[in-house]
Protein backbone atom coordinates (compact mmCIF):
# COMPACT_ATOMS: atom_id res chain seq x y z
CA MET A 1 -46.00 46.66 -119.77
CA LEU A 2 -46.78 45.63 -116.15
CA ASN A 3 -44.23 45.82 -113.36
CA VAL A 4 -45.20 44.82 -109.81
CA LYS A 5 -42.71 45.75 -107.09
CA ASP A 6 -42.88 44.65 -103.46
CA LEU A 7 -46.69 44.22 -103.40
CA THR A 8 -47.98 43.59 -99.88
CA ILE A 9 -51.62 42.82 -99.02
CA ARG A 10 -53.15 42.77 -95.52
CA LEU A 11 -56.58 42.27 -94.05
CA LYS A 12 -57.80 45.20 -91.96
CA HIS A 13 -57.01 44.72 -88.28
CA GLN A 14 -54.47 41.98 -88.97
CA ALA A 15 -50.74 42.63 -88.63
CA GLU A 16 -49.46 39.62 -90.60
CA PRO A 17 -49.66 40.17 -94.38
CA LEU A 18 -51.41 37.65 -96.62
CA VAL A 19 -49.08 38.52 -99.52
CA GLN A 20 -45.70 40.07 -98.81
CA GLY A 21 -43.15 41.46 -101.24
CA ALA A 22 -44.57 40.05 -104.49
CA SER A 23 -42.58 41.30 -107.47
CA PHE A 24 -42.79 40.39 -111.16
CA SER A 25 -42.78 41.95 -114.61
CA ILE A 26 -44.85 41.11 -117.67
CA ALA A 27 -43.68 42.38 -121.05
CA ARG A 28 -46.04 43.23 -123.92
CA GLY A 29 -47.06 40.00 -125.66
CA GLU A 30 -45.56 37.81 -122.94
CA MET A 31 -47.52 34.92 -121.48
CA PHE A 32 -47.47 34.99 -117.67
CA CYS A 33 -48.60 32.39 -115.18
CA LEU A 34 -48.77 32.90 -111.43
CA VAL A 35 -48.40 29.48 -109.79
CA GLY A 36 -48.65 28.54 -106.14
CA GLU A 37 -50.33 26.36 -103.58
CA SER A 38 -53.93 26.88 -102.59
CA GLY A 39 -54.15 29.92 -100.32
CA SER A 40 -50.76 31.30 -101.35
CA GLY A 41 -52.17 34.65 -102.57
CA LYS A 42 -52.44 34.21 -106.35
CA SER A 43 -56.00 35.56 -106.56
CA LEU A 44 -55.35 38.32 -104.01
CA THR A 45 -52.35 39.43 -106.06
CA ALA A 46 -54.45 39.59 -109.24
CA LEU A 47 -57.27 41.46 -107.47
CA ALA A 48 -54.81 43.96 -105.97
CA VAL A 49 -53.17 44.59 -109.35
CA MET A 50 -56.61 45.29 -110.86
CA GLY A 51 -57.56 47.50 -107.90
CA ILE A 52 -60.60 45.46 -106.92
CA LEU A 53 -59.77 44.04 -103.49
CA ASP A 54 -62.70 43.72 -101.09
CA ARG A 55 -63.34 46.41 -98.47
CA GLY A 56 -62.04 44.07 -95.77
CA PHE A 57 -58.49 44.67 -96.98
CA GLU A 58 -56.16 47.56 -96.33
CA ALA A 59 -54.95 49.44 -99.38
CA PRO A 60 -52.11 47.36 -100.84
CA THR A 61 -48.60 48.75 -100.56
CA GLY A 62 -45.77 48.58 -103.06
CA GLU A 63 -45.95 49.61 -106.70
CA VAL A 64 -47.95 48.39 -109.69
CA TRP A 65 -46.66 50.15 -112.81
CA LEU A 66 -48.66 49.90 -116.02
CA GLN A 67 -47.08 51.07 -119.27
CA SER A 68 -49.73 51.68 -121.87
CA ARG A 69 -49.70 54.10 -124.78
CA SER A 70 -48.90 56.95 -122.41
CA THR A 71 -46.31 57.25 -119.67
CA PRO A 72 -46.08 54.55 -116.96
CA GLN A 73 -48.60 54.91 -114.14
CA ASN A 74 -48.48 53.49 -110.63
CA LEU A 75 -51.96 51.96 -110.34
CA LEU A 76 -51.78 51.94 -106.53
CA ALA A 77 -51.50 55.74 -106.55
CA LEU A 78 -54.55 56.37 -108.78
CA ASP A 79 -58.05 57.28 -107.62
CA GLU A 80 -61.08 55.14 -108.49
CA PRO A 81 -62.24 57.15 -111.56
CA ALA A 82 -58.75 56.90 -113.12
CA LEU A 83 -58.60 53.16 -112.39
CA GLU A 84 -62.03 52.66 -113.93
CA ARG A 85 -60.94 54.39 -117.16
CA ILE A 86 -57.92 52.06 -117.37
CA ARG A 87 -60.06 48.98 -116.66
CA ARG A 88 -62.55 49.90 -119.39
CA SER A 89 -59.84 50.58 -121.98
CA GLY A 90 -58.09 47.32 -121.04
CA CYS A 91 -61.29 45.31 -121.50
CA ARG A 92 -61.70 46.67 -125.00
CA ALA A 93 -58.05 45.97 -125.82
CA ALA A 94 -58.27 42.39 -124.50
CA ALA A 95 -61.46 41.52 -126.38
CA GLY A 96 -61.00 38.39 -128.43
CA ARG A 97 -57.74 37.35 -126.75
CA ARG A 98 -57.38 33.94 -125.16
CA ILE A 99 -57.39 33.63 -121.39
CA CYS A 100 -56.43 30.42 -119.61
CA TRP A 101 -57.59 29.37 -116.17
CA ARG A 102 -55.78 26.36 -114.74
CA TRP A 103 -57.90 24.46 -112.21
CA THR A 104 -55.98 23.83 -109.00
CA ASN A 105 -57.79 20.59 -108.15
CA ARG A 106 -56.01 18.58 -110.85
CA ARG A 107 -52.33 17.72 -110.69
CA TRP A 108 -50.12 19.02 -113.47
CA ASN A 109 -46.39 18.45 -113.59
CA GLY A 110 -45.35 21.16 -116.05
CA SER A 111 -44.18 18.79 -118.78
CA GLU A 112 -47.74 18.06 -119.90
CA ALA A 113 -49.08 20.26 -122.68
CA ILE A 114 -52.12 22.35 -121.76
CA GLY A 115 -55.20 20.72 -123.29
CA SER A 116 -53.61 17.28 -123.60
CA ALA A 117 -55.58 15.75 -120.74
């Protein structure tokens, strides 16, 4: 359903990337969690995948393939109106589904069940 290949994110006027070579796949119905230290690029990766990075960033490079009802589309190659149509249809499709945000200021060792604390 979503396949991210070699995603790289840079600030404008900065040579060193903030995220470099991120790659992952998420199948339909699969639960996915992006885990990392504070400042490791988790939020930037999510914003780039959704196409909503701030103007202070260069256009991300790599590929972000979304397979929906139609043929796969590379989101990084689409213009803003096409991205907006996908975002709106995705919001309707996700309505009523559960979303989990894991706070980074509390330690969690992975063996603890979510919601047990």
